[in-house]
Amino acid sequence: MAKTKRPISARRPNTADMAQFILASASPRRKELLKRLELPFEIIPSSVEENYSNGMAPPEMAKRWALEKARDVAAAHPETIVVGADTIVVLEGNILGKPKDSSEATAMLRKLSNKSHTVHTGVALVQKSNEAVISFVESTEVTFFELDETLISSYVATGSPLDKAGAYGIQDGSTCFVEKVNGCYHNVVGFPVARFVQLVRSEEFKQQFSADIWFASDREIA
């Protein structure tokens, strides 16, 4: 007598292991910060190129470009929550973008020496299938010690300033430049982690977006 095969039940996917977010940025700093949250995400950089000469106030400009980046990637991934981010460094009303070369990096660091500047990071979340959009901007004041030429040239020689707004990364060798930080440290790195978590835990987020992640849920954590 032939044995009857037992039907194989379909295994329901564990949503905690699925990529529910896309980071629309190639920044290794933002990637590392999101990984610390054990957040299921993948990286698809946006093709949007920022234009900081549009006359907008820097905080609004950072938020606008974060939103443009998120929308750009969300167009091809409507079901997934896309996170866009943009960081702007402002000194005495002037925006300091990413330096084009070592000479420009040196000039920027000379300007920042012995002064306070502001770092604005815009963050936008877009889930196109739900027509869900939320954005915010976080601002942090950073004060530098007076930097001598040896310190500046040594740092520029590492090549580290060339892919960073304002020509420095607070998490790398330039950490010794910083006298004090007033506000969120991770915002200066490139992504305001705490503010992001607070947003994703908010009722505003839960009412608009579809997601199941540990820090946005009311369930008990084992």
Protein backbone atom coordinates (compact mmCIF):
# COMPACT_ATOMS: atom_id res chain seq x y z
CA MET A 1 0.00 0.00 0.00
CA ALA A 2 1.47 3.30 -1.03
CA LYS A 3 2.20 5.76 1.72
CA THR A 4 0.37 9.04 1.59
CA LYS A 5 2.75 11.98 1.59
CA ARG A 6 2.12 14.51 4.31
CA PRO A 7 1.38 17.93 2.86
CA ILE A 8 4.17 20.43 3.34
CA SER A 9 2.95 23.58 5.05
CA ALA A 10 4.13 26.87 3.71
CA ARG A 11 6.50 28.63 6.10
CA ARG A 12 5.44 32.14 6.82
CA PRO A 13 8.40 34.50 6.30
CA ASN A 14 9.78 36.22 9.35
CA THR A 15 9.22 39.90 8.65
CA ALA A 16 11.97 40.79 11.09
CA ASP A 17 14.47 39.20 8.65
CA MET A 18 13.11 40.89 5.54
CA ALA A 19 14.45 44.13 4.15
CA GLN A 20 11.61 46.50 4.95
CA PHE A 21 13.76 49.59 4.43
CA ILE A 22 16.00 50.86 1.67
CA LEU A 23 18.73 53.35 2.47
CA ALA A 24 18.97 55.67 -0.53
CA SER A 25 22.60 56.53 0.24
CA ALA A 26 26.03 55.06 -0.41
CA SER A 27 27.42 56.63 2.78
CA PRO A 28 29.31 54.02 4.84
CA ARG A 29 28.65 56.11 7.97
CA ARG A 30 24.87 55.94 7.52
CA LYS A 31 25.08 52.23 6.72
CA GLU A 32 26.98 51.56 9.94
CA LEU A 33 24.59 53.60 12.09
CA LEU A 34 21.52 51.79 10.74
CA LYS A 35 23.21 48.41 11.22
CA ARG A 36 23.54 49.18 14.93
CA LEU A 37 19.73 49.24 15.13
CA GLU A 38 19.55 45.69 13.73
CA LEU A 39 17.28 47.21 11.12
CA PRO A 40 16.46 45.02 8.09
CA PHE A 41 17.53 47.18 5.15
CA GLU A 42 19.32 47.18 1.83
CA ILE A 43 21.24 49.92 0.09
CA ILE A 44 20.20 51.45 -3.23
CA PRO A 45 21.89 54.84 -3.69
CA SER A 46 19.87 57.62 -5.22
CA SER A 47 21.01 59.17 -8.49
CA VAL A 48 19.86 62.64 -7.39
CA GLU A 49 22.55 65.32 -7.42
CA GLU A 50 22.14 68.08 -4.85
CA ASN A 51 22.02 71.73 -5.83
CA TYR A 52 22.66 74.00 -2.86
CA SER A 53 22.29 77.24 -4.78
CA ASN A 54 18.50 77.30 -4.84
CA GLY A 55 18.12 80.07 -2.26
CA MET A 56 16.42 77.93 0.39
CA ALA A 57 17.41 78.10 4.06
CA PRO A 58 19.96 75.33 4.84
CA PRO A 59 17.68 73.28 7.16
CA GLU A 60 14.88 73.23 4.58
CA MET A 61 17.40 72.48 1.84
CA ALA A 62 18.71 69.43 3.71
CA LYS A 63 15.16 68.16 4.20
CA ARG A 64 14.26 68.82 0.56
CA TRP A 65 17.20 66.85 -0.84
CA ALA A 66 16.60 63.99 1.58
CA LEU A 67 13.05 63.81 0.27
CA GLU A 68 14.15 64.00 -3.38
CA LYS A 69 16.58 61.11 -2.82
CA ALA A 70 13.94 58.98 -1.10
CA ARG A 71 11.36 59.62 -3.82
CA ASP A 72 13.91 58.83 -6.53
CA VAL A 73 14.51 55.32 -5.19
CA ALA A 74 10.91 54.75 -4.07
CA ALA A 75 9.72 55.13 -7.67
CA ALA A 76 11.17 51.69 -8.45
CA HIS A 77 10.45 50.16 -5.02
CA PRO A 78 6.93 51.28 -4.08
CA GLU A 79 6.27 48.67 -1.37
CA THR A 80 9.43 49.32 0.62
CA ILE A 81 10.07 52.20 3.00
CA VAL A 82 12.87 54.28 1.49
CA VAL A 83 15.07 56.41 3.76
CA GLY A 84 16.76 59.43 2.23
CA ALA A 85 19.26 61.65 4.02
CA ASP A 86 21.27 64.75 3.26
CA THR A 87 23.82 66.52 5.46
CA ILE A 88 24.79 70.17 5.12
CA VAL A 89 27.51 72.01 7.03
CA VAL A 90 26.95 75.75 7.50
CA LEU A 91 29.53 78.27 8.68
CA GLU A 92 28.54 81.92 9.11
CA GLY A 93 25.67 81.48 6.64
CA ASN A 94 27.78 79.74 3.99
CA ILE A 95 27.28 76.11 3.00
CA LEU A 96 30.41 73.95 3.02
CA GLY A 97 29.85 70.97 0.75
CA LYS A 98 32.20 68.13 -0.07
CA PRO A 99 35.59 69.50 -1.13
CA LYS A 100 36.60 68.94 -4.74
CA ASP A 101 40.26 68.37 -3.89
CA SER A 102 42.88 68.63 -1.13
CA SER A 103 43.31 72.36 -1.61
CA GLU A 104 39.63 73.03 -1.08
CA ALA A 105 39.58 70.70 1.94
CA THR A 106 42.47 72.64 3.47
CA ALA A 107 40.69 75.94 2.87
CA MET A 108 37.50 74.66 4.51
CA LEU A 109 39.31 73.43 7.62
CA ARG A 110 41.07 76.79 7.96
CA LYS A 111 37.67 78.48 7.92
CA LEU A 112 36.27 76.10 10.54
CA SER A 113 39.25 76.58 12.85
CA ASN A 114 38.41 78.19 16.22
CA LYS A 115 34.76 78.73 15.24
CA SER A 116 31.33 77.20 15.70
CA HIS A 117 29.34 75.85 12.78
CA THR A 118 26.04 74.02 12.34
CA VAL A 119 25.40 70.60 10.84
CA HIS A 120 21.92 70.03 9.41
CA THR A 121 20.82 66.52 8.41
CA GLY A 122 17.53 66.09 6.62
CA VAL A 123 15.86 62.68 6.78
CA ALA A 124 12.87 61.56 4.71
CA LEU A 125 10.86 58.33 4.70
CA VAL A 126 8.76 57.43 1.68
CA GLN A 127 6.55 54.40 1.03
CA LYS A 128 5.02 55.05 -2.36
CA SER A 129 2.39 52.27 -2.27
CA ASN A 130 0.81 53.91 0.80
CA GLU A 131 1.48 57.46 -0.40
CA ALA A 132 3.26 57.81 2.94
CA VAL A 133 5.80 60.60 3.44
CA ILE A 134 7.47 61.90 6.60
CA SER A 135 10.52 64.15 6.81
CA PHE A 136 12.43 66.09 9.44
CA VAL A 137 15.71 67.93 9.94
CA GLU A 138 18.09 67.68 12.90
CA SER A 139 20.59 70.46 13.66
CA THR A 140 23.75 70.27 15.77
CA GLU A 141 26.25 72.97 16.68
CA VAL A 142 29.92 71.99 16.57
CA THR A 143 32.82 74.09 17.86
CA PHE A 144 36.40 73.53 16.68
CA PHE A 145 39.61 74.24 18.53
CA GLU A 146 42.13 76.41 16.74
CA LEU A 147 43.80 74.20 14.13
CA ASP A 148 47.43 74.69 13.16
CA GLU A 149 48.72 74.01 9.65
CA THR A 150 50.46 70.78 10.63
CA LEU A 151 47.26 69.31 12.03
CA ILE A 152 45.28 70.34 8.97
CA SER A 153 47.81 69.07 6.42
CA SER A 154 48.22 65.74 8.23
CA TYR A 155 44.48 65.14 8.20
CA VAL A 156 44.02 66.21 4.58
CA ALA A 157 46.84 63.87 3.55
CA THR A 158 44.77 60.89 4.75
CA GLY A 159 42.18 61.63 2.03
CA SER A 160 39.38 61.35 4.58
CA PRO A 161 37.97 64.88 4.07
CA LEU A 162 37.24 64.43 0.37
CA ASP A 163 33.92 62.57 0.69
CA LYS A 164 32.53 64.56 3.62
CA ALA A 165 30.54 67.77 3.86
CA GLY A 166 32.66 70.41 5.56
CA ALA A 167 35.82 68.38 4.86
CA TYR A 168 35.79 66.43 8.10
CA GLY A 169 34.28 63.36 9.75
CA ILE A 170 33.80 63.68 13.48
CA GLN A 171 34.15 59.91 13.88
CA ASP A 172 37.62 59.71 12.27
CA GLY A 173 40.97 61.43 12.76
CA SER A 174 39.36 64.86 12.96
CA THR A 175 37.71 64.01 16.27
CA CYS A 176 40.56 65.86 17.98
CA PHE A 177 39.48 69.07 16.18
CA VAL A 178 36.23 69.23 18.13
CA GLU A 179 36.06 71.28 21.33
CA LYS A 180 32.36 70.66 21.95
CA VAL A 181 29.14 69.42 20.40
CA ASN A 182 25.77 70.93 21.22
CA GLY A 183 23.13 68.45 20.07
CA CYS A 184 23.10 65.00 18.51
CA TYR A 185 26.58 63.57 17.87
CA HIS A 186 25.34 61.01 15.34
CA ASN A 187 23.72 63.81 13.37
CA VAL A 188 27.23 65.14 12.71
CA VAL A 189 28.32 61.67 11.61
CA GLY A 190 25.52 61.79 9.05
CA PHE A 191 22.36 60.28 10.51
CA PRO A 192 20.41 61.31 13.66
CA VAL A 193 19.75 57.80 14.96
CA ALA A 194 17.82 58.69 18.12
CA ARG A 195 15.46 61.07 16.30
CA PHE A 196 14.90 58.42 13.61
CA VAL A 197 13.95 55.79 16.20
CA GLN A 198 11.59 58.21 17.93
CA LEU A 199 9.92 58.93 14.60
CA VAL A 200 9.50 55.26 13.69
CA ARG A 201 7.98 54.60 17.12
CA SER A 202 5.51 57.46 16.75
CA GLU A 203 1.81 57.14 16.03
CA GLU A 204 2.28 59.36 12.99
CA PHE A 205 4.58 56.74 11.45
CA LYS A 206 2.43 53.74 12.41
CA GLN A 207 -0.67 55.30 10.87
CA GLN A 208 1.03 55.89 7.51
CA PHE A 209 3.62 53.15 7.02
CA SER A 210 3.55 49.35 6.92
CA ALA A 211 6.46 47.88 8.89
CA ASP A 212 7.23 45.34 11.60
CA ILE A 213 10.46 46.13 13.40
CA TRP A 214 11.39 45.63 17.01
CA PHE A 215 11.71 49.27 18.06
CA ALA A 216 8.45 50.29 16.38
CA SER A 217 6.39 47.51 17.94
CA ASP A 218 4.50 47.40 21.20
CA ARG A 219 5.19 43.67 21.66
CA GLU A 220 7.49 42.38 24.38
CA ILE A 221 11.17 42.00 23.49
CA ALA A 222 12.43 38.52 24.40
